[in-house]
Amino acid sequence: MPGVLFVPWQHPLPPPREATHDHLRGCWLYWRDWHRYRDGLPRGTRGTRLHKPHWLALPRPEHLLGLRDLEAQLSEHFRIPAAPVQVALWHPDDGWHRVFLVADDWPRQIPLPPYPDN
């Protein structure tokens, strides 16, 4: 099944044992961390929001926005409680990066406790 494994930006995890060695990877981060993440990107990086069901189909680089325009869209999105957003970032020397941005209060519910083993 095609997909992307996303790991926490500041705390990379090893892939699951079942993952193929060439699986697609990405990172996720809170919106509050976007500026620090963005500041670490190479100059000239461009990007776009990916809307489901196009998460696996990356756009052509000429259809990407500059980071300033992309950030304006993201800022508007996260101005109110919002769903996570997948972003594709591209730089000619660095290739593609996939990022999931989540609201600062994510997750919005208390996780259920583990199911007791019987």
PDB file of N, CA and C in Angstrom:
ATOM      1  N   MET A   1       0.847  -1.160   0.000  1.00  0.00           N
ATOM      2  CA  MET A   1       0.000   0.000   0.000  1.00  0.00           C
ATOM      3  C   MET A   1       0.903   1.237   0.000  1.00  0.00           C
ATOM      4  N   PRO A   2       0.720   2.142  -0.948  1.00  0.00           N
ATOM      5  CA  PRO A   2       1.554   3.339  -0.981  1.00  0.00           C
ATOM      6  C   PRO A   2       1.176   4.281   0.153  1.00  0.00           C
ATOM      7  N   GLY A   3       2.148   4.992   0.623  1.00  0.00           N
ATOM      8  CA  GLY A   3       1.912   5.949   1.681  1.00  0.00           C
ATOM      9  C   GLY A   3       3.219   6.566   2.121  1.00  0.00           C
ATOM     10  N   VAL A   4       3.133   7.422   3.103  1.00  0.00           N
ATOM     11  CA  VAL A   4       4.286   8.128   3.646  1.00  0.00           C
ATOM     12  C   VAL A   4       4.290   7.909   5.151  1.00  0.00           C
ATOM     13  N   LEU A   5       5.441   7.585   5.704  1.00  0.00           N
ATOM     14  CA  LEU A   5       5.582   7.481   7.154  1.00  0.00           C
ATOM     15  C   LEU A   5       6.083   8.822   7.675  1.00  0.00           C
ATOM     16  N   PHE A   6       5.310   9.426   8.565  1.00  0.00           N
ATOM     17  CA  PHE A   6       5.672  10.716   9.144  1.00  0.00           C
ATOM     18  C   PHE A   6       6.183  10.505  10.568  1.00  0.00           C
ATOM     19  N   VAL A   7       7.301  11.130  10.881  1.00  0.00           N
ATOM     20  CA  VAL A   7       7.895  11.029  12.216  1.00  0.00           C
ATOM     21  C   VAL A   7       7.977  12.429  12.812  1.00  0.00           C
ATOM     22  N   PRO A   8       8.017  12.534  14.140  1.00  0.00           N
ATOM     23  CA  PRO A   8       8.144  13.860  14.754  1.00  0.00           C
ATOM     24  C   PRO A   8       9.418  14.556  14.259  1.00  0.00           C
ATOM     25  N   TRP A   9       9.291  15.818  13.933  1.00  0.00           N
ATOM     26  CA  TRP A   9      10.399  16.592  13.364  1.00  0.00           C
ATOM     27  C   TRP A   9      11.638  16.580  14.250  1.00  0.00           C
ATOM     28  N   GLN A  10      11.492  16.880  15.498  1.00  0.00           N
ATOM     29  CA  GLN A  10      12.646  16.998  16.395  1.00  0.00           C
ATOM     30  C   GLN A  10      13.061  15.675  17.026  1.00  0.00           C
ATOM     31  N   HIS A  11      12.276  14.605  16.810  1.00  0.00           N
ATOM     32  CA  HIS A  11      12.556  13.315  17.440  1.00  0.00           C
ATOM     33  C   HIS A  11      12.378  12.190  16.430  1.00  0.00           C
ATOM     34  N   PRO A  12      13.262  12.098  15.440  1.00  0.00           N
ATOM     35  CA  PRO A  12      13.112  11.050  14.425  1.00  0.00           C
ATOM     36  C   PRO A  12      13.075   9.660  15.064  1.00  0.00           C
ATOM     37  N   LEU A  13      12.250   8.816  14.501  1.00  0.00           N
ATOM     38  CA  LEU A  13      12.098   7.442  14.965  1.00  0.00           C
ATOM     39  C   LEU A  13      12.567   6.488  13.883  1.00  0.00           C
ATOM     40  N   PRO A  14      13.020   5.307  14.259  1.00  0.00           N
ATOM     41  CA  PRO A  14      13.360   4.329  13.232  1.00  0.00           C
ATOM     42  C   PRO A  14      12.079   3.836  12.567  1.00  0.00           C
ATOM     43  N   PRO A  15      12.165   3.414  11.310  1.00  0.00           N
ATOM     44  CA  PRO A  15      10.960   2.912  10.640  1.00  0.00           C
ATOM     45  C   PRO A  15      10.510   1.588  11.254  1.00  0.00           C
ATOM     46  N   PRO A  16       9.256   1.244  11.106  1.00  0.00           N
ATOM     47  CA  PRO A  16       8.786  -0.058  11.578  1.00  0.00           C
ATOM     48  C   PRO A  16       9.545  -1.182  10.869  1.00  0.00           C
ATOM     49  N   ARG A  17       9.683  -2.310  11.526  1.00  0.00           N
ATOM     50  CA  ARG A  17      10.398  -3.447  10.923  1.00  0.00           C
ATOM     51  C   ARG A  17       9.809  -3.846   9.583  1.00  0.00           C
ATOM     52  N   GLU A  18       8.499  -3.697   9.432  1.00  0.00           N
ATOM     53  CA  GLU A  18       7.820  -4.130   8.214  1.00  0.00           C
ATOM     54  C   GLU A  18       7.982  -3.154   7.047  1.00  0.00           C
ATOM     55  N   ALA A  19       8.508  -1.972   7.283  1.00  0.00           N
ATOM     56  CA  ALA A  19       8.643  -0.958   6.227  1.00  0.00           C
ATOM     57  C   ALA A  19       9.755  -1.365   5.262  1.00  0.00           C
ATOM     58  N   THR A  20       9.540  -1.084   3.985  1.00  0.00           N
ATOM     59  CA  THR A  20      10.593  -1.337   3.007  1.00  0.00           C
ATOM     60  C   THR A  20      11.690  -0.299   3.187  1.00  0.00           C
ATOM     61  N   HIS A  21      12.895  -0.632   2.750  1.00  0.00           N
ATOM     62  CA  HIS A  21      14.024   0.291   2.950  1.00  0.00           C
ATOM     63  C   HIS A  21      13.857   1.589   2.162  1.00  0.00           C
ATOM     64  N   ASP A  22      13.038   1.582   1.111  1.00  0.00           N
ATOM     65  CA  ASP A  22      12.869   2.784   0.290  1.00  0.00           C
ATOM     66  C   ASP A  22      11.504   3.451   0.499  1.00  0.00           C
ATOM     67  N   HIS A  23      10.890   3.243   1.671  1.00  0.00           N
ATOM     68  CA  HIS A  23       9.576   3.841   1.918  1.00  0.00           C
ATOM     69  C   HIS A  23       9.663   5.367   1.901  1.00  0.00           C
ATOM     70  N   LEU A  24       8.543   6.000   1.562  1.00  0.00           N
ATOM     71  CA  LEU A  24       8.475   7.460   1.572  1.00  0.00           C
ATOM     72  C   LEU A  24       8.426   7.938   3.021  1.00  0.00           C
ATOM     73  N   ARG A  25       9.142   9.029   3.288  1.00  0.00           N
ATOM     74  CA  ARG A  25       9.234   9.558   4.648  1.00  0.00           C
ATOM     75  C   ARG A  25       8.855  11.026   4.670  1.00  0.00           C
ATOM     76  N   GLY A  26       8.452  11.449   5.812  1.00  0.00           N
ATOM     77  CA  GLY A  26       8.153  12.856   6.038  1.00  0.00           C
ATOM     78  C   GLY A  26       8.270  13.130   7.521  1.00  0.00           C
ATOM     79  N   CYS A  27       8.013  14.359   7.897  1.00  0.00           N
ATOM     80  CA  CYS A  27       8.012  14.693   9.312  1.00  0.00           C
ATOM     81  C   CYS A  27       6.724  15.438   9.631  1.00  0.00           C
ATOM     82  N   TRP A  28       6.392  15.463  10.898  1.00  0.00           N
ATOM     83  CA  TRP A  28       5.255  16.274  11.324  1.00  0.00           C
ATOM     84  C   TRP A  28       5.730  17.208  12.421  1.00  0.00           C
ATOM     85  N   LEU A  29       5.072  18.352  12.494  1.00  0.00           N
ATOM     86  CA  LEU A  29       5.417  19.333  13.511  1.00  0.00           C
ATOM     87  C   LEU A  29       4.212  20.191  13.823  1.00  0.00           C
ATOM     88  N   TYR A  30       4.272  20.800  14.994  1.00  0.00           N
ATOM     89  CA  TYR A  30       3.219  21.733  15.394  1.00  0.00           C
ATOM     90  C   TYR A  30       3.386  23.040  14.624  1.00  0.00           C
ATOM     91  N   TRP A  31       2.264  23.714  14.409  1.00  0.00           N
ATOM     92  CA  TRP A  31       2.296  25.001  13.716  1.00  0.00           C
ATOM     93  C   TRP A  31       3.240  25.974  14.418  1.00  0.00           C
ATOM     94  N   ARG A  32       3.292  25.943  15.736  1.00  0.00           N
ATOM     95  CA  ARG A  32       4.179  26.859  16.476  1.00  0.00           C
ATOM     96  C   ARG A  32       5.648  26.652  16.121  1.00  0.00           C
ATOM     97  N   ASP A  33       6.006  25.473  15.595  1.00  0.00           N
ATOM     98  CA  ASP A  33       7.391  25.169  15.232  1.00  0.00           C
ATOM     99  C   ASP A  33       7.712  25.462  13.768  1.00  0.00           C
ATOM    100  N   TRP A  34       6.707  25.860  13.007  1.00  0.00           N
ATOM    101  CA  TRP A  34       6.907  26.083  11.575  1.00  0.00           C
ATOM    102  C   TRP A  34       8.049  27.055  11.292  1.00  0.00           C
ATOM    103  N   HIS A  35       8.112  28.174  12.003  1.00  0.00           N
ATOM    104  CA  HIS A  35       9.131  29.190  11.710  1.00  0.00           C
ATOM    105  C   HIS A  35      10.545  28.636  11.884  1.00  0.00           C
ATOM    106  N   ARG A  36      10.763  27.861  12.937  1.00  0.00           N
ATOM    107  CA  ARG A  36      12.094  27.253  13.118  1.00  0.00           C
ATOM    108  C   ARG A  36      12.384  26.239  12.021  1.00  0.00           C
ATOM    109  N   TYR A  37      11.387  25.460  11.642  1.00  0.00           N
ATOM    110  CA  TYR A  37      11.575  24.493  10.562  1.00  0.00           C
ATOM    111  C   TYR A  37      11.876  25.219   9.252  1.00  0.00           C
ATOM    112  N   ARG A  38      11.051  26.227   8.952  1.00  0.00           N
ATOM    113  CA  ARG A  38      11.213  27.014   7.725  1.00  0.00           C
ATOM    114  C   ARG A  38      12.589  27.654   7.651  1.00  0.00           C
ATOM    115  N   ASP A  39      13.062  28.181   8.766  1.00  0.00           N
ATOM    116  CA  ASP A  39      14.359  28.857   8.775  1.00  0.00           C
ATOM    117  C   ASP A  39      15.516  27.906   8.483  1.00  0.00           C
ATOM    118  N   GLY A  40      15.300  26.609   8.637  1.00  0.00           N
ATOM    119  CA  GLY A  40      16.335  25.623   8.335  1.00  0.00           C
ATOM    120  C   GLY A  40      16.306  25.124   6.900  1.00  0.00           C
ATOM    121  N   LEU A  41      15.337  25.591   6.115  1.00  0.00           N
ATOM    122  CA  LEU A  41      15.231  25.159   4.718  1.00  0.00           C
ATOM    123  C   LEU A  41      16.202  25.945   3.837  1.00  0.00           C
ATOM    124  N   PRO A  42      16.672  25.340   2.761  1.00  0.00           N
ATOM    125  CA  PRO A  42      17.564  26.072   1.850  1.00  0.00           C
ATOM    126  C   PRO A  42      16.843  27.262   1.218  1.00  0.00           C
ATOM    127  N   ARG A  43      17.583  28.327   0.983  1.00  0.00           N
ATOM    128  CA  ARG A  43      17.042  29.513   0.313  1.00  0.00           C
ATOM    129  C   ARG A  43      16.498  29.097  -1.057  1.00  0.00           C
ATOM    130  N   GLY A  44      15.331  29.580  -1.401  1.00  0.00           N
ATOM    131  CA  GLY A  44      14.718  29.240  -2.683  1.00  0.00           C
ATOM    132  C   GLY A  44      13.775  28.051  -2.622  1.00  0.00           C
ATOM    133  N   THR A  45      13.565  27.477  -1.425  1.00  0.00           N
ATOM    134  CA  THR A  45      12.598  26.381  -1.278  1.00  0.00           C
ATOM    135  C   THR A  45      11.212  26.903  -1.598  1.00  0.00           C
ATOM    136  N   ARG A  46      10.446  26.096  -2.304  1.00  0.00           N
ATOM    137  CA  ARG A  46       9.074  26.433  -2.661  1.00  0.00           C
ATOM    138  C   ARG A  46       8.173  25.309  -2.183  1.00  0.00           C
ATOM    139  N   GLY A  47       6.868  25.551  -2.113  1.00  0.00           N
ATOM    140  CA  GLY A  47       5.998  24.498  -1.620  1.00  0.00           C
ATOM    141  C   GLY A  47       4.540  24.731  -1.919  1.00  0.00           C
ATOM    142  N   THR A  48       3.728  23.780  -1.481  1.00  0.00           N
ATOM    143  CA  THR A  48       2.288  23.863  -1.647  1.00  0.00           C
ATOM    144  C   THR A  48       1.607  22.959  -0.642  1.00  0.00           C
ATOM    145  N   ARG A  49       0.350  23.273  -0.351  1.00  0.00           N
ATOM    146  CA  ARG A  49      -0.485  22.376   0.448  1.00  0.00           C
ATOM    147  C   ARG A  49      -0.943  21.248  -0.456  1.00  0.00           C
ATOM    148  N   LEU A  50      -0.963  20.056   0.079  1.00  0.00           N
ATOM    149  CA  LEU A  50      -1.485  18.909  -0.659  1.00  0.00           C
ATOM    150  C   LEU A  50      -2.864  18.581  -0.104  1.00  0.00           C
ATOM    151  N   HIS A  51      -3.826  18.477  -0.981  1.00  0.00           N
ATOM    152  CA  HIS A  51      -5.192  18.169  -0.571  1.00  0.00           C
ATOM    153  C   HIS A  51      -5.488  16.713  -0.889  1.00  0.00           C
ATOM    154  N   LYS A  52      -6.054  16.026   0.075  1.00  0.00           N
ATOM    155  CA  LYS A  52      -6.456  14.648  -0.138  1.00  0.00           C
ATOM    156  C   LYS A  52      -7.460  14.639  -1.284  1.00  0.00           C
ATOM    157  N   PRO A  53      -7.414  13.797  -2.250  1.00  0.00           N
ATOM    158  CA  PRO A  53      -6.668  12.543  -2.390  1.00  0.00           C
ATOM    159  C   PRO A  53      -5.343  12.689  -3.141  1.00  0.00           C
ATOM    160  N   HIS A  54      -4.796  13.885  -3.256  1.00  0.00           N
ATOM    161  CA  HIS A  54      -3.568  14.107  -4.022  1.00  0.00           C
ATOM    162  C   HIS A  54      -2.312  14.068  -3.154  1.00  0.00           C
ATOM    163  N   TRP A  55      -2.382  13.431  -2.014  1.00  0.00           N
ATOM    164  CA  TRP A  55      -1.246  13.385  -1.112  1.00  0.00           C
ATOM    165  C   TRP A  55      -0.049  12.669  -1.718  1.00  0.00           C
ATOM    166  N   LEU A  56      -0.281  11.706  -2.579  1.00  0.00           N
ATOM    167  CA  LEU A  56       0.834  10.951  -3.151  1.00  0.00           C
ATOM    168  C   LEU A  56       1.304  11.518  -4.486  1.00  0.00           C
ATOM    169  N   ALA A  57       0.502  12.347  -5.115  1.00  0.00           N
ATOM    170  CA  ALA A  57       0.848  12.904  -6.425  1.00  0.00           C
ATOM    171  C   ALA A  57       1.406  14.308  -6.247  1.00  0.00           C
ATOM    172  N   LEU A  58       2.721  14.426  -6.277  1.00  0.00           N
ATOM    173  CA  LEU A  58       3.337  15.734  -6.080  1.00  0.00           C
ATOM    174  C   LEU A  58       3.179  16.604  -7.321  1.00  0.00           C
ATOM    175  N   PRO A  59       2.991  17.900  -7.129  1.00  0.00           N
ATOM    176  CA  PRO A  59       2.823  18.802  -8.271  1.00  0.00           C
ATOM    177  C   PRO A  59       4.151  19.058  -8.974  1.00  0.00           C
ATOM    178  N   ARG A  60       4.063  19.607 -10.154  1.00  0.00           N
ATOM    179  CA  ARG A  60       5.277  20.005 -10.876  1.00  0.00           C
ATOM    180  C   ARG A  60       5.867  21.232 -10.167  1.00  0.00           C
ATOM    181  N   PRO A  61       7.191  21.310 -10.095  1.00  0.00           N
ATOM    182  CA  PRO A  61       7.827  22.435  -9.367  1.00  0.00           C
ATOM    183  C   PRO A  61       7.374  23.819  -9.830  1.00  0.00           C
ATOM    184  N   GLU A  62       7.030  23.986 -11.093  1.00  0.00           N
ATOM    185  CA  GLU A  62       6.615  25.320 -11.545  1.00  0.00           C
ATOM    186  C   GLU A  62       5.256  25.743 -10.984  1.00  0.00           C
ATOM    187  N   HIS A  63       4.532  24.826 -10.343  1.00  0.00           N
ATOM    188  CA  HIS A  63       3.231  25.148  -9.751  1.00  0.00           C
ATOM    189  C   HIS A  63       3.333  25.430  -8.252  1.00  0.00           C
ATOM    190  N   LEU A  64       4.535  25.516  -7.730  1.00  0.00           N
ATOM    191  CA  LEU A  64       4.723  25.728  -6.299  1.00  0.00           C
ATOM    192  C   LEU A  64       4.760  27.214  -5.951  1.00  0.00           C
ATOM    193  N   LEU A  65       4.471  27.505  -4.707  1.00  0.00           N
ATOM    194  CA  LEU A  65       4.487  28.885  -4.203  1.00  0.00           C
ATOM    195  C   LEU A  65       5.804  29.164  -3.485  1.00  0.00           C
ATOM    196  N   GLY A  66       6.165  30.421  -3.428  1.00  0.00           N
ATOM    197  CA  GLY A  66       7.266  30.820  -2.567  1.00  0.00           C
ATOM    198  C   GLY A  66       6.852  30.609  -1.119  1.00  0.00           C
ATOM    199  N   LEU A  67       7.814  30.453  -0.240  1.00  0.00           N
ATOM    200  CA  LEU A  67       7.479  30.161   1.155  1.00  0.00           C
ATOM    201  C   LEU A  67       6.654  31.261   1.807  1.00  0.00           C
ATOM    202  N   ARG A  68       6.866  32.498   1.418  1.00  0.00           N
ATOM    203  CA  ARG A  68       6.089  33.607   1.997  1.00  0.00           C
ATOM    204  C   ARG A  68       4.596  33.449   1.677  1.00  0.00           C
ATOM    205  N   ASP A  69       4.279  33.123   0.414  1.00  0.00           N
ATOM    206  CA  ASP A  69       2.875  32.935   0.031  1.00  0.00           C
ATOM    207  C   ASP A  69       2.288  31.679   0.671  1.00  0.00           C
ATOM    208  N   LEU A  70       3.066  30.609   0.708  1.00  0.00           N
ATOM    209  CA  LEU A  70       2.594  29.381   1.352  1.00  0.00           C
ATOM    210  C   LEU A  70       2.325  29.630   2.827  1.00  0.00           C
ATOM    211  N   GLU A  71       3.233  30.329   3.485  1.00  0.00           N
ATOM    212  CA  GLU A  71       3.065  30.607   4.912  1.00  0.00           C
ATOM    213  C   GLU A  71       1.820  31.456   5.168  1.00  0.00           C
ATOM    214  N   ALA A  72       1.506  32.374   4.280  1.00  0.00           N
ATOM    215  CA  ALA A  72       0.289  33.174   4.441  1.00  0.00           C
ATOM    216  C   ALA A  72      -0.944  32.271   4.406  1.00  0.00           C
ATOM    217  N   GLN A  73      -0.969  31.303   3.501  1.00  0.00           N
ATOM    218  CA  GLN A  73      -2.088  30.343   3.440  1.00  0.00           C
ATOM    219  C   GLN A  73      -2.173  29.527   4.731  1.00  0.00           C
ATOM    220  N   LEU A  74      -1.018  29.050   5.196  1.00  0.00           N
ATOM    221  CA  LEU A  74      -0.994  28.228   6.400  1.00  0.00           C
ATOM    222  C   LEU A  74      -1.412  29.034   7.624  1.00  0.00           C
ATOM    223  N   SER A  75      -0.959  30.267   7.706  1.00  0.00           N
ATOM    224  CA  SER A  75      -1.319  31.127   8.827  1.00  0.00           C
ATOM    225  C   SER A  75      -2.828  31.335   8.877  1.00  0.00           C
ATOM    226  N   GLU A  76      -3.431  31.547   7.735  1.00  0.00           N
ATOM    227  CA  GLU A  76      -4.888  31.704   7.675  1.00  0.00           C
ATOM    228  C   GLU A  76      -5.578  30.407   8.098  1.00  0.00           C
ATOM    229  N   HIS A  77      -5.058  29.276   7.644  1.00  0.00           N
ATOM    230  CA  HIS A  77      -5.643  27.982   7.986  1.00  0.00           C
ATOM    231  C   HIS A  77      -5.619  27.748   9.496  1.00  0.00           C
ATOM    232  N   PHE A  78      -4.495  28.048  10.144  1.00  0.00           N
ATOM    233  CA  PHE A  78      -4.347  27.769  11.572  1.00  0.00           C
ATOM    234  C   PHE A  78      -4.801  28.921  12.466  1.00  0.00           C
ATOM    235  N   ARG A  79      -5.406  29.951  11.876  1.00  0.00           N
ATOM    236  CA  ARG A  79      -5.914  31.081  12.661  1.00  0.00           C
ATOM    237  C   ARG A  79      -7.011  30.624  13.626  1.00  0.00           C
ATOM    238  N   ILE A  80      -7.778  29.616  13.238  1.00  0.00           N
ATOM    239  CA  ILE A  80      -8.820  29.031  14.082  1.00  0.00           C
ATOM    240  C   ILE A  80      -8.501  27.543  14.228  1.00  0.00           C
ATOM    241  N   PRO A  81      -9.121  26.834  15.172  1.00  0.00           N
ATOM    242  CA  PRO A  81      -8.853  25.398  15.274  1.00  0.00           C
ATOM    243  C   PRO A  81      -9.038  24.731  13.907  1.00  0.00           C
ATOM    244  N   ALA A  82      -8.025  24.012  13.492  1.00  0.00           N
ATOM    245  CA  ALA A  82      -8.021  23.492  12.132  1.00  0.00           C
ATOM    246  C   ALA A  82      -7.477  22.077  12.085  1.00  0.00           C
ATOM    247  N   ALA A  83      -7.828  21.399  11.011  1.00  0.00           N
ATOM    248  CA  ALA A  83      -7.333  20.051  10.757  1.00  0.00           C
ATOM    249  C   ALA A  83      -5.861  20.113  10.340  1.00  0.00           C
ATOM    250  N   PRO A  84      -5.133  19.008  10.513  1.00  0.00           N
ATOM    251  CA  PRO A  84      -3.752  18.963  10.028  1.00  0.00           C
ATOM    252  C   PRO A  84      -3.686  19.206   8.521  1.00  0.00           C
ATOM    253  N   VAL A  85      -2.534  19.682   8.075  1.00  0.00           N
ATOM    254  CA  VAL A  85      -2.305  20.004   6.669  1.00  0.00           C
ATOM    255  C   VAL A  85      -1.020  19.317   6.215  1.00  0.00           C
ATOM    256  N   GLN A  86      -1.085  18.670   5.055  1.00  0.00           N
ATOM    257  CA  GLN A  86       0.142  18.114   4.490  1.00  0.00           C
ATOM    258  C   GLN A  86       0.717  19.124   3.495  1.00  0.00           C
ATOM    259  N   VAL A  87       2.029  19.334   3.573  1.00  0.00           N
ATOM    260  CA  VAL A  87       2.727  20.290   2.720  1.00  0.00           C
ATOM    261  C   VAL A  87       3.842  19.561   1.993  1.00  0.00           C
ATOM    262  N   ALA A  88       4.011  19.883   0.717  1.00  0.00           N
ATOM    263  CA  ALA A  88       5.147  19.384  -0.056  1.00  0.00           C
ATOM    264  C   ALA A  88       6.076  20.559  -0.300  1.00  0.00           C
ATOM    265  N   LEU A  89       7.336  20.363   0.020  1.00  0.00           N
ATOM    266  CA  LEU A  89       8.355  21.403  -0.161  1.00  0.00           C
ATOM    267  C   LEU A  89       9.394  20.889  -1.145  1.00  0.00           C
ATOM    268  N   TRP A  90       9.909  21.787  -2.001  1.00  0.00           N
ATOM    269  CA  TRP A  90      10.862  21.374  -3.022  1.00  0.00           C
ATOM    270  C   TRP A  90      11.962  22.413  -3.182  1.00  0.00           C
ATOM    271  N   HIS A  91      13.168  21.905  -3.334  1.00  0.00           N
ATOM    272  CA  HIS A  91      14.325  22.738  -3.653  1.00  0.00           C
ATOM    273  C   HIS A  91      15.164  21.963  -4.656  1.00  0.00           C
ATOM    274  N   PRO A  92      15.671  22.620  -5.724  1.00  0.00           N
ATOM    275  CA  PRO A  92      16.400  21.884  -6.765  1.00  0.00           C
ATOM    276  C   PRO A  92      17.592  21.083  -6.247  1.00  0.00           C
ATOM    277  N   ASP A  93      18.262  21.571  -5.210  1.00  0.00           N
ATOM    278  CA  ASP A  93      19.431  20.862  -4.685  1.00  0.00           C
ATOM    279  C   ASP A  93      19.085  19.879  -3.571  1.00  0.00           C
ATOM    280  N   ASP A  94      17.884  19.990  -3.027  1.00  0.00           N
ATOM    281  CA  ASP A  94      17.509  19.208  -1.854  1.00  0.00           C
ATOM    282  C   ASP A  94      16.363  18.238  -2.125  1.00  0.00           C
ATOM    283  N   GLY A  95      15.680  18.372  -3.248  1.00  0.00           N
ATOM    284  CA  GLY A  95      14.574  17.478  -3.586  1.00  0.00           C
ATOM    285  C   GLY A  95      13.312  17.793  -2.807  1.00  0.00           C
ATOM    286  N   TRP A  96      12.449  16.781  -2.709  1.00  0.00           N
ATOM    287  CA  TRP A  96      11.143  16.917  -2.072  1.00  0.00           C
ATOM    288  C   TRP A  96      11.203  16.602  -0.586  1.00  0.00           C
ATOM    289  N   HIS A  97      10.413  17.338   0.174  1.00  0.00           N
ATOM    290  CA  HIS A  97      10.185  17.054   1.596  1.00  0.00           C
ATOM    291  C   HIS A  97       8.688  17.131   1.836  1.00  0.00           C
ATOM    292  N   ARG A  98       8.177  16.168   2.588  1.00  0.00           N
ATOM    293  CA  ARG A  98       6.763  16.170   2.967  1.00  0.00           C
ATOM    294  C   ARG A  98       6.661  16.473   4.450  1.00  0.00           C
ATOM    295  N   VAL A  99       5.733  17.349   4.764  1.00  0.00           N
ATOM    296  CA  VAL A  99       5.561  17.796   6.145  1.00  0.00           C
ATOM    297  C   VAL A  99       4.079  17.791   6.473  1.00  0.00           C
ATOM    298  N   PHE A 100       3.735  17.242   7.631  1.00  0.00           N
ATOM    299  CA  PHE A 100       2.384  17.389   8.153  1.00  0.00           C
ATOM    300  C   PHE A 100       2.458  18.427   9.255  1.00  0.00           C
ATOM    301  N   LEU A 101       1.676  19.476   9.123  1.00  0.00           N
ATOM    302  CA  LEU A 101       1.577  20.514  10.150  1.00  0.00           C
ATOM    303  C   LEU A 101       0.287  20.287  10.918  1.00  0.00           C
ATOM    304  N   VAL A 102       0.387  20.301  12.236  1.00  0.00           N
ATOM    305  CA  VAL A 102      -0.788  20.113  13.077  1.00  0.00           C
ATOM    306  C   VAL A 102      -0.965  21.335  13.962  1.00  0.00           C
ATOM    307  N   ALA A 103      -2.204  21.591  14.362  1.00  0.00           N
ATOM    308  CA  ALA A 103      -2.499  22.717  15.244  1.00  0.00           C
ATOM    309  C   ALA A 103      -1.755  22.535  16.572  1.00  0.00           C
ATOM    310  N   ASP A 104      -1.492  23.641  17.229  1.00  0.00           N
ATOM    311  CA  ASP A 104      -0.726  23.602  18.470  1.00  0.00           C
ATOM    312  C   ASP A 104      -1.428  22.818  19.583  1.00  0.00           C
ATOM    313  N   ASP A 105      -2.749  22.661  19.485  1.00  0.00           N
ATOM    314  CA  ASP A 105      -3.482  21.914  20.515  1.00  0.00           C
ATOM    315  C   ASP A 105      -3.786  20.481  20.081  1.00  0.00           C
ATOM    316  N   TRP A 106      -3.112  20.012  19.057  1.00  0.00           N
ATOM    317  CA  TRP A 106      -3.340  18.648  18.566  1.00  0.00           C
ATOM    318  C   TRP A 106      -2.723  17.632  19.506  1.00  0.00           C
ATOM    319  N   PRO A 107      -3.332  16.508  19.781  1.00  0.00           N
ATOM    320  CA  PRO A 107      -4.699  16.130  19.411  1.00  0.00           C
ATOM    321  C   PRO A 107      -5.698  16.829  20.326  1.00  0.00           C
ATOM    322  N   ARG A 108      -6.891  17.011  19.828  1.00  0.00           N
ATOM    323  CA  ARG A 108      -7.910  17.772  20.556  1.00  0.00           C
ATOM    324  C   ARG A 108      -8.734  16.917  21.511  1.00  0.00           C
ATOM    325  N   GLN A 109      -8.414  15.675  21.645  1.00  0.00           N
ATOM    326  CA  GLN A 109      -9.134  14.842  22.605  1.00  0.00           C
ATOM    327  C   GLN A 109      -8.124  14.075  23.441  1.00  0.00           C
ATOM    328  N   ILE A 110      -8.604  13.639  24.570  1.00  0.00           N
ATOM    329  CA  ILE A 110      -7.717  12.844  25.428  1.00  0.00           C
ATOM    330  C   ILE A 110      -7.684  11.438  24.844  1.00  0.00           C
ATOM    331  N   PRO A 111      -6.496  10.914  24.582  1.00  0.00           N
ATOM    332  CA  PRO A 111      -6.430   9.559  24.033  1.00  0.00           C
ATOM    333  C   PRO A 111      -7.011   8.545  24.997  1.00  0.00           C
ATOM    334  N   LEU A 112      -7.609   7.525  24.442  1.00  0.00           N
ATOM    335  CA  LEU A 112      -8.161   6.443  25.270  1.00  0.00           C
ATOM    336  C   LEU A 112      -7.017   5.660  25.897  1.00  0.00           C
ATOM    337  N   PRO A 113      -7.250   5.136  27.090  1.00  0.00           N
ATOM    338  CA  PRO A 113      -6.194   4.299  27.694  1.00  0.00           C
ATOM    339  C   PRO A 113      -6.055   3.006  26.894  1.00  0.00           C
ATOM    340  N   PRO A 114      -4.929   2.340  27.034  1.00  0.00           N
ATOM    341  CA  PRO A 114      -4.763   1.061  26.330  1.00  0.00           C
ATOM    342  C   PRO A 114      -5.843   0.073  26.740  1.00  0.00           C
ATOM    343  N   TYR A 115      -6.241  -0.744  25.812  1.00  0.00           N
ATOM    344  CA  TYR A 115      -7.240  -1.771  26.096  1.00  0.00           C
ATOM    345  C   TYR A 115      -6.590  -2.847  26.963  1.00  0.00           C
ATOM    346  N   PRO A 116      -7.214  -3.211  28.083  1.00  0.00           N
ATOM    347  CA  PRO A 116      -6.577  -4.216  28.947  1.00  0.00           C
ATOM    348  C   PRO A 116      -6.539  -5.581  28.262  1.00  0.00           C
ATOM    349  N   ASP A 117      -5.430  -6.248  28.425  1.00  0.00           N
ATOM    350  CA  ASP A 117      -5.316  -7.600  27.889  1.00  0.00           C
ATOM    351  C   ASP A 117      -6.103  -8.559  28.767  1.00  0.00           C
ATOM    352  N   ASN A 118      -6.846  -9.412  28.126  1.00  0.00           N
ATOM    353  CA  ASN A 118      -7.615 -10.415  28.892  1.00  0.00           C
ATOM    354  C   ASN A 118      -7.011 -11.773  28.679  1.00  0.00           C
TER     355      ASN A 118
END
